[in-house]
Protein backbone atom coordinates (compact mmCIF):
# COMPACT_ATOMS: atom_id res chain seq x y z
CA MET A 1 160.15 109.83 144.56
CA ASN A 2 159.16 109.24 147.78
CA PRO A 3 157.46 106.06 149.49
CA GLU A 4 154.35 107.87 150.05
CA ALA A 5 154.34 109.19 146.49
CA ARG A 6 155.09 106.07 144.70
CA TRP A 7 152.21 104.50 146.95
CA SER A 8 149.85 106.62 145.94
CA GLN A 9 150.78 106.71 142.26
CA GLU A 10 150.41 102.64 142.28
CA LEU A 11 146.89 103.13 144.26
CA GLU A 12 145.76 105.26 141.13
CA THR A 13 147.32 103.47 138.23
CA PRO A 14 148.46 99.79 139.34
CA THR A 15 151.41 98.58 137.47
CA ALA A 16 153.90 95.82 137.99
CA GLY A 17 155.58 97.78 140.95
CA PHE A 18 152.70 97.58 142.98
CA PHE A 19 154.17 95.17 145.50
CA GLU A 20 157.88 96.90 145.72
CA ALA A 21 155.62 100.21 146.20
CA PHE A 22 153.71 98.39 149.29
CA ALA A 23 156.59 97.30 150.93
CA ALA A 24 157.95 100.48 150.78
CA ARG A 25 155.47 102.26 152.41
CA ILE A 26 155.08 100.16 155.06
CA ALA A 27 158.79 100.40 155.74
CA GLU A 28 157.92 103.88 156.72
CA PRO A 29 157.07 104.80 160.33
CA ASP A 30 153.16 103.94 160.83
CA GLY A 31 153.71 102.71 157.57
CA VAL A 32 150.94 99.75 157.62
CA ARG A 33 148.40 101.80 159.05
CA ASP A 34 148.99 104.56 156.68
CA ALA A 35 149.19 102.26 153.77
CA VAL A 36 145.77 101.30 154.28
CA ARG A 37 144.30 104.40 154.97
CA GLU A 38 145.73 106.09 152.06
CA ALA A 39 144.04 103.00 150.08
CA VAL A 40 140.72 103.38 151.22
CA LYS A 41 140.67 107.04 150.81
CA ALA A 42 141.53 106.27 147.32
CA LEU A 43 139.66 103.37 146.13
CA VAL A 44 136.35 104.03 147.63
CA PRO A 45 135.30 106.81 145.26
CA ARG A 46 136.87 104.92 142.47
CA ILE A 47 135.25 101.68 142.54
CA ASP A 48 132.46 101.57 140.46
CA TRP A 49 130.20 99.80 142.77
CA GLU A 50 126.96 100.82 140.93
CA ALA A 51 128.14 98.09 138.46
CA TYR A 52 128.63 95.11 140.76
CA GLN A 53 124.90 95.48 141.86
CA PRO A 54 123.72 93.28 144.20
CA HIS A 55 126.74 91.79 144.67
CA VAL A 56 129.61 93.82 146.61
CA PRO A 57 133.34 93.57 145.91
CA HIS A 58 135.40 91.92 148.34
CA GLY A 59 138.67 94.02 148.49
CA ILE A 60 137.91 96.77 150.90
CA LEU A 61 136.06 94.47 152.66
CA GLY A 62 138.48 92.08 152.87
CA LEU A 63 140.65 94.48 154.70
CA ARG A 64 139.36 93.96 158.04
CA ALA A 65 139.55 90.06 157.57
CA VAL A 66 143.13 90.34 157.15
CA PHE A 67 143.85 92.59 160.42
CA ARG A 68 141.80 90.11 162.75
CA LEU A 69 144.34 87.57 161.73
CA ARG A 70 147.30 89.43 162.60
CA PRO A 71 147.40 87.91 166.29
CA LEU A 72 147.58 84.53 164.24
CA LEU A 73 150.26 85.23 161.84
CA GLU A 74 153.94 85.98 161.74
CA THR A 75 155.14 89.38 160.30
CA ARG A 76 156.03 88.60 156.58
CA SER A 77 152.48 86.61 156.52
CA PHE A 78 150.69 89.25 157.50
CA HIS A 79 152.16 91.95 155.23
CA ARG A 80 151.81 89.48 152.22
CA ALA A 81 147.99 89.12 153.28
CA LEU A 82 147.67 92.49 153.73
CA GLY A 83 149.44 93.17 150.35
CA ILE A 84 147.51 91.15 147.98
CA GLN A 85 144.41 91.95 149.79
CA LEU A 86 145.16 95.72 148.93
CA HIS A 87 146.25 94.91 145.21
CA MET A 88 142.77 93.01 144.58
CA ALA A 89 140.97 96.24 145.79
CA ALA A 90 143.19 98.31 143.54
CA HIS A 91 142.15 95.79 140.35
CA GLU A 92 138.25 96.20 141.28
CA GLY A 93 136.39 97.66 138.54
CA ARG A 94 136.51 101.39 138.20
CA ARG A 95 134.53 104.51 137.64
CA SER A 96 135.86 106.91 134.96
CA ALA A 97 137.93 109.69 136.82
CA GLN A 98 135.40 112.37 136.23
CA ALA A 99 133.14 110.51 137.72
CA ALA A 100 135.46 109.14 140.48
CA ALA A 101 136.48 113.08 141.23
CA GLN A 102 132.55 114.19 141.23
CA VAL A 103 131.60 111.02 144.03
CA ALA A 104 135.24 112.45 145.69
CA SER A 105 134.02 115.59 145.86
CA ALA A 106 130.25 115.26 147.13
CA LYS A 107 129.40 116.33 150.70
CA GLY A 108 125.89 116.65 152.31
CA SER A 109 125.22 118.10 155.60
CA GLY A 110 126.22 115.37 157.86
CA GLN A 111 122.45 115.09 159.36
CA TRP A 112 120.92 111.63 160.66
CA ARG A 113 117.60 112.28 159.85
CA ASN A 114 118.46 113.10 155.81
CA LEU A 115 121.15 110.07 155.80
CA GLU A 116 118.14 107.81 157.06
CA SER A 117 115.50 109.35 154.47
CA PHE A 118 118.14 108.83 151.88
CA ILE A 119 118.41 105.20 153.02
CA GLU A 120 114.69 104.68 153.42
CA SER A 121 113.94 106.26 149.63
CA ARG A 122 116.82 103.81 148.46
CA ARG A 123 119.13 106.45 147.06
CA PRO A 124 122.69 105.61 147.68
CA GLY A 125 124.67 108.01 145.80
CA LEU A 126 123.08 110.93 148.25
CA ALA A 127 122.91 108.84 151.13
CA TYR A 128 127.13 108.20 150.57
CA ALA A 129 127.35 112.04 150.03
CA GLU A 130 125.36 113.00 153.27
CA ALA A 131 127.53 110.45 155.03
CA GLN A 132 130.83 112.70 154.13
CA GLY A 133 129.39 115.65 156.15
CA PHE A 134 129.87 113.66 159.15
CA GLU A 135 133.03 115.53 161.03
CA LEU A 136 134.05 112.14 162.11
CA PRO A 137 132.10 109.01 162.28
CA GLU A 138 131.97 107.17 165.49
CA PRO A 139 131.32 103.67 166.72
CA ALA A 140 127.89 104.76 167.67
CA ASP A 141 127.14 105.77 163.76
CA PHE A 142 128.13 102.51 162.42
CA GLN A 143 126.12 100.86 164.98
CA ARG A 144 122.92 102.64 164.28
CA LEU A 145 123.62 102.45 160.72
CA GLY A 146 124.11 98.33 161.05
CA ARG A 147 120.36 98.35 163.05
CA ARG A 148 118.97 100.08 159.89
CA VAL A 149 120.15 97.24 157.84
CA ASP A 150 120.18 93.94 160.09
CA THR A 151 116.51 92.43 158.45
CA ASP A 152 118.22 93.19 154.89
CA MET A 153 118.94 90.11 153.68
CA ALA A 154 120.30 91.58 150.12
CA ASN A 155 123.02 89.95 148.61
CA VAL A 156 122.51 87.20 151.47
CA GLY A 157 123.37 89.19 154.21
CA HIS A 158 126.24 91.95 152.90
CA LYS A 159 124.82 94.82 154.31
CA ALA A 160 124.88 93.91 157.95
CA VAL A 161 128.34 92.25 157.57
CA LEU A 162 129.81 95.20 155.89
CA VAL A 163 128.31 98.10 157.74
CA SER A 164 129.97 96.09 160.60
CA ASP A 165 133.26 95.23 159.58
CA LEU A 166 134.05 98.51 157.74
CA GLY A 167 133.43 100.21 161.26
CA ASP A 168 135.96 97.64 162.85
CA LEU A 169 138.24 98.51 160.13
CA HIS A 170 137.81 101.90 161.03
CA GLU A 171 138.79 101.39 164.73
CA GLN A 172 142.01 99.17 163.47
CA LEU A 173 142.66 102.11 161.52
CA GLU A 174 142.68 104.86 164.70
CA ARG A 175 139.56 106.44 163.57
CA PRO A 176 140.92 108.75 160.81
CA LYS A 177 138.79 111.55 159.93
CA ALA A 178 138.96 111.46 155.77
CA THR A 179 139.42 107.77 155.80
CA GLY A 180 136.54 107.22 158.26
CA ARG A 181 134.18 108.85 155.73
CA ARG A 182 134.96 107.12 153.03
CA LEU A 183 134.45 103.84 155.31
CA PHE A 184 131.03 105.32 156.52
CA GLY A 185 129.83 106.84 153.25
CA LEU A 186 130.37 103.09 151.74
CA ALA A 187 128.79 101.65 154.41
CA ALA A 188 125.70 104.19 153.69
CA TRP A 189 125.69 103.77 149.87
CA VAL A 190 125.47 99.87 150.50
CA ALA A 191 122.28 100.35 153.05
CA ALA A 192 120.57 102.38 150.45
CA THR A 193 120.79 100.13 147.71
CA PRO A 194 117.74 97.83 146.82
CA GLU A 195 116.50 96.08 150.31
CA ASP A 196 115.53 92.12 150.63
CA SER A 197 113.12 91.87 154.05
CA PHE A 198 111.41 88.67 152.54
CA TRP A 199 112.91 86.40 155.32
CA ALA A 200 112.55 88.87 158.04
CA ARG A 201 108.87 89.50 156.93
CA ARG A 202 108.12 85.66 156.44
CA ALA A 203 109.73 85.21 160.37
CA ALA A 204 107.65 88.33 161.78
CA LYS A 205 104.39 86.74 160.35
CA ARG A 206 105.29 83.54 162.13
CA LEU A 207 106.48 85.02 165.37
CA GLY A 208 102.95 87.24 165.96
CA GLU A 209 102.87 90.41 167.89
CA ASN A 210 104.53 89.37 171.35
CA GLN A 211 108.22 88.47 169.58
CA VAL A 212 110.70 86.82 172.41
CA ALA A 213 113.63 88.11 172.57
CA LEU A 214 116.83 85.78 172.62
CA THR A 215 119.60 86.11 175.33
CA TRP A 216 122.60 85.64 175.69
CA THR A 217 122.83 83.69 179.12
CA GLY A 218 122.31 80.09 177.94
CA MET A 219 123.78 77.49 179.50
CA ASP A 220 126.72 76.04 177.23
CA PRO A 221 124.90 73.84 174.58
CA ASP A 222 124.77 69.91 174.34
CA ALA A 223 125.55 68.56 171.29
CA THR A 224 122.74 65.23 171.66
CA ALA A 225 120.05 68.06 172.26
CA LEU A 226 121.12 70.20 169.42
CA ASP A 227 121.20 67.71 167.00
CA PRO A 228 117.62 67.53 166.13
CA TRP A 229 117.84 70.98 165.64
CA VAL A 230 120.82 71.09 163.20
CA ARG A 231 118.73 68.29 161.59
CA GLU A 232 115.87 70.88 160.88
CA ILE A 233 118.33 73.35 159.85
CA CYS A 234 119.73 71.37 157.00
CA ASP A 235 117.35 68.93 155.79
CA LEU A 236 113.79 70.88 155.98
CA GLY A 237 112.27 73.01 153.24
CA LEU A 238 112.26 77.41 153.91
CA VAL A 239 108.47 76.90 154.83
CA ALA A 240 108.91 73.84 157.37
CA LEU A 241 112.28 75.26 158.46
CA LEU A 242 110.87 78.49 159.55
CA ASP A 243 107.95 77.24 161.39
CA ARG A 244 110.11 74.89 163.32
CA PHE A 245 112.90 77.62 164.14
CA THR A 246 110.33 80.03 165.19
CA GLU A 247 108.55 77.92 167.29
CA ARG A 248 111.57 76.90 169.33
CA ILE A 249 112.39 80.66 169.65
CA ARG A 250 108.87 81.29 171.30
CA PHE A 251 109.62 78.27 173.55
CA GLY A 252 112.51 80.99 174.93
CA GLN A 253 115.60 79.06 172.99
CA GLU A 254 118.96 80.82 174.25
CA ALA A 255 120.98 82.28 171.77
CA LEU A 256 124.19 80.23 172.49
CA ASP A 257 122.24 77.36 171.74
CA ALA A 258 121.22 79.00 168.53
CA LEU A 259 124.64 80.32 167.16
CA THR A 260 125.66 76.40 167.69
CA ALA A 261 122.97 74.67 166.20
CA LEU A 262 123.86 76.91 163.37
CA VAL A 263 127.51 76.63 163.27
CA LEU A 264 127.21 72.87 163.00
CA ALA A 265 124.31 73.14 160.36
CA ALA A 266 127.04 75.30 158.45
CA CYS A 267 129.88 72.94 158.93
CA GLU A 268 127.79 70.14 157.75
CA LYS A 269 126.62 72.29 154.33
CA GLN A 270 130.50 73.20 154.10
CA LEU A 271 131.35 69.73 154.08
CA ASP A 272 128.45 68.65 151.42
CA ALA A 273 130.06 72.03 149.02
CA ARG A 274 130.91 71.14 145.56
CA ARG A 275 134.44 72.49 144.60
CA ASP A 276 132.74 75.72 142.85
CA LEU A 277 130.63 76.52 145.82
CA GLU A 278 133.34 76.53 148.45
CA GLY A 279 133.40 80.33 148.74
CA LYS A 280 129.93 80.92 148.74
CA THR A 281 129.02 78.29 151.31
CA ALA A 282 131.37 79.89 153.72
CA TRP A 283 129.94 83.14 153.63
CA SER A 284 127.42 81.54 156.09
CA PHE A 285 130.50 81.10 158.31
CA VAL A 286 130.60 85.04 158.14
CA TYR A 287 127.21 85.88 158.72
CA LEU A 288 127.66 83.86 161.99
CA ALA A 289 130.21 85.54 162.79
CA ASN A 290 128.78 88.97 162.58
CA LEU A 291 125.63 88.07 164.96
CA ALA A 292 128.60 86.66 167.45
CA ARG A 293 130.03 89.89 167.42
CA THR A 294 126.70 92.06 167.72
CA ARG A 295 125.13 90.11 169.95
CA PRO A 296 121.31 90.85 168.47
CA THR A 297 118.44 89.70 170.17
CA ASP A 298 115.82 90.18 167.40
CA PRO A 299 114.48 86.70 166.90
CA ARG A 300 113.78 87.69 162.95
CA ILE A 301 117.71 88.06 162.49
CA TRP A 302 118.14 84.35 163.82
CA CYS A 303 115.41 83.16 161.59
CA GLN A 304 117.44 84.81 158.54
CA ALA A 305 120.40 83.01 159.75
CA ALA A 306 118.36 79.37 159.79
CA ALA A 307 117.60 80.87 156.25
CA LEU A 308 120.73 81.28 154.80
CA VAL A 309 122.32 78.13 156.01
CA ASN A 310 119.80 76.11 154.92
CA LEU A 311 119.70 77.81 151.58
CA PHE A 312 122.54 75.70 150.44
CA PRO A 313 122.44 71.90 149.29
CA THR A 314 123.10 69.19 151.88
CA ASP A 315 124.31 65.69 149.95
CA GLU A 316 123.94 62.27 152.04
CA ALA A 317 126.51 61.90 155.03
CA GLU A 318 128.08 58.67 153.33
CA GLU A 319 129.06 60.96 150.12
CA ARG A 320 131.28 63.24 152.19
CA ILE A 321 134.94 63.43 152.01
CA ARG A 322 136.44 62.08 155.39
CA PRO A 323 139.28 63.27 157.89
CA ALA A 324 141.96 60.85 156.63
CA ALA A 325 143.35 58.45 159.57
CA LEU A 326 146.63 60.06 160.89
CA ALA A 327 149.13 58.87 163.64
CA GLU A 328 150.76 61.99 164.37
CA PRO A 329 149.16 65.38 163.11
CA THR A 330 151.09 68.68 163.04
CA CYS A 331 150.54 72.46 162.16
CA GLU A 332 153.20 71.81 159.07
CA GLY A 333 151.38 68.58 157.98
CA LEU A 334 147.85 70.70 157.65
CA LEU A 335 149.28 73.48 156.05
CA GLU A 336 151.37 71.14 153.56
CA ALA A 337 147.73 69.28 153.11
CA VAL A 338 145.81 72.31 152.35
CA LEU A 339 148.23 73.88 150.01
CA ASP A 340 148.36 70.57 147.86
CA ALA A 341 144.76 70.68 147.79
CA GLU A 342 144.11 67.38 149.73
CA PRO A 343 140.93 67.75 151.62
CA GLY A 344 140.74 64.75 153.47
CA PRO A 345 144.37 64.70 154.83
CA ALA A 346 143.92 68.18 155.76
CA MET A 347 140.68 67.25 157.66
CA GLY A 348 142.60 64.74 159.47
CA GLN A 349 145.34 67.00 160.63
CA ALA A 350 142.96 69.50 161.89
CA LEU A 351 140.89 66.82 163.67
CA GLY A 352 143.80 65.60 165.16
CA LEU A 353 145.23 68.67 166.39
CA VAL A 354 142.19 70.05 168.16
CA ARG A 355 141.38 66.34 169.89
CA SER A 356 145.11 67.07 170.81
CA GLY A 357 144.44 70.07 172.52
CA MET A 358 146.04 72.18 169.44
CA GLY A 359 143.16 74.05 168.04
CA ASP A 360 144.85 77.86 168.19
CA GLU A 361 147.64 76.46 166.52
CA ALA A 362 145.68 74.32 163.86
CA LEU A 363 143.90 78.07 163.08
CA ALA A 364 147.04 79.91 163.16
CA ALA A 365 148.15 77.21 160.50
CA LEU A 366 144.92 77.59 158.02
CA ALA A 367 145.24 81.28 158.68
CA GLU A 368 148.82 81.17 156.76
CA ALA A 369 147.44 78.92 154.28
CA ALA A 370 144.78 81.80 153.46
CA THR A 371 147.50 84.21 153.25
CA ARG A 372 149.22 82.07 150.17
CA ASN A 373 146.18 82.02 148.04
CA ASP A 374 145.29 84.78 145.76
CA PRO A 375 142.30 86.62 146.95
CA SER A 376 140.88 87.54 143.71
CA PHE A 377 140.74 83.81 142.50
CA ASN A 378 138.04 83.50 145.22
CA HIS A 379 136.62 86.83 146.07
CA ALA A 380 138.59 86.77 149.16
CA HIS A 381 136.20 83.80 150.36
CA GLN A 382 139.49 82.44 152.57
CA LEU A 383 140.51 84.96 153.94
CA LEU A 384 136.70 86.20 155.13
CA ALA A 385 136.11 82.75 156.19
CA VAL A 386 139.24 82.22 158.88
CA ALA A 387 138.39 85.25 160.27
CA ALA A 388 135.10 84.39 160.63
CA VAL A 389 136.06 80.96 162.08
CA ALA A 390 138.50 83.02 164.52
CA ASP A 391 135.46 85.05 165.66
CA LEU A 392 133.55 82.10 166.15
CA MET A 393 135.63 80.05 168.04
CA PRO A 394 135.35 81.79 171.40
CA HIS A 395 131.60 81.37 171.67
CA LEU A 396 131.41 77.64 170.91
CA PRO A 397 131.67 74.72 173.04
CA ALA A 398 134.36 72.19 171.83
CA PHE A 399 132.41 69.98 170.34
CA ALA A 400 131.36 73.00 167.27
CA ARG A 401 134.94 74.02 167.54
CA GLU A 402 136.04 70.93 166.23
CA ALA A 403 133.39 70.27 163.64
CA LEU A 404 134.48 74.17 162.38
CA LEU A 405 138.08 73.69 162.22
CA VAL A 406 137.21 70.41 160.11
CA ALA A 407 134.92 71.88 158.12
CA LEU A 408 137.23 74.97 157.22
CA ALA A 409 140.55 72.83 156.72
CA LYS A 410 138.30 70.98 153.86
CA ASN A 411 137.06 74.46 152.26
CA LEU A 412 140.59 75.74 151.88
CA ALA A 413 141.72 72.32 150.65
CA ASN A 414 139.39 72.57 148.13
CA SER A 415 139.34 76.45 146.79
CA GLN A 416 143.25 76.61 146.42
CA GLY A 417 144.03 79.08 143.43
CA SER A 418 147.05 80.33 142.28
CA GLY A 419 149.81 81.72 144.80
CA ASP A 420 151.83 83.76 142.05
CA LEU A 421 150.93 87.34 143.82
CA GLY A 422 151.89 85.96 147.42
CA ARG A 423 154.98 85.09 146.02
CA LEU A 424 155.39 88.61 144.41
CA ALA A 425 154.73 90.24 147.15
CA ASP A 426 157.37 88.01 149.39
CA ARG A 427 159.82 88.96 146.87
CA ALA A 428 159.13 92.63 147.59
CA LEU A 429 159.12 92.35 150.72
CA SER A 430 162.66 90.27 151.32
CA ALA A 431 164.32 93.18 148.88
CA LEU A 432 163.50 95.52 151.05
CA GLU A 433 164.32 93.52 154.15
CA ALA A 434 167.75 92.55 152.70
CA PRO A 435 170.50 94.68 154.63
């Protein structure tokens, strides 16, 4: 059996030979690209998306995060991360073969007016089928779909993130027709599921008819000036927070200031997160990174982001884990501390590296740590969080980058799971590379 056929068989019915089939497939010319194309094409119709509602399984979603981290990783580590993420996707809950075949064959006319009607009337199956009628989804199609869901915070904002990330994954895979239709169809399906515009409506009521758009031309934010804003986001109740946040926006607050304040508040929430809430709390970084990439000016979207960060609990500062004092921080020490589940030393290593001008190296070490963790253990939150931090870093001043990397180190060290899948993937990759 050739590598392509063997890989297709593993996607259909995963076995103990999954990683061997993956390793053989990616060894082919354009193998990485084609392996992911084939996985998306096969798995999107098979995964039982309805059974997960209101949640979204992260197997397909996390693929974009793996590609985002590719520049930070050695080749073997990238292949490991991709293999275990595809393994997770292949093991998501599935529809029956008959139902999957019906989904795979569904095809509408590919008209935007029909697609938008199905989204508006909340008919995800029809929205998916209509999306299959698009000859080749373009970036503009994903962007248009994104604008339809940007004030919909169902499942804490997964819709906007998923649409944007699937559009980016489509670009990473070089816009294949069949796979692109699957990705666009999944985005349309999720867009048409039940809506939650509670926060957007509350924000709109406070902003009034003359809503002020946020601009991206602000000056470099100042930590001292942003501190009161951070305290409001972290400490106020939702009603008081929306009152204060919308008041700031009406006075012409810049988007970069808002983004930095939200990131600092999200970092504080991450430091306060219990072990069982590490992954869920890190979702705030993913949502904020999507804002940094899509650069919205609608103030309601920024109010939603503030409400999302505010949603997670805040504890007393003196009860938080503190970075351990270290004489000589190293990337190797950071990786070891994370893998040994030691949050204090991991935070100290990250802090020391950043202050030594090695923030990029620290991020690469944290990316490597995420590739050693089974994504099915925590719904790929580690990979999603590291990719989000990579997206956020270029938009932030130095003090916010420092806080972000320290919070990420704590998150990864405090949410370690099994590395068995990674070791299995490494074994298969090593066997293929052996002379």
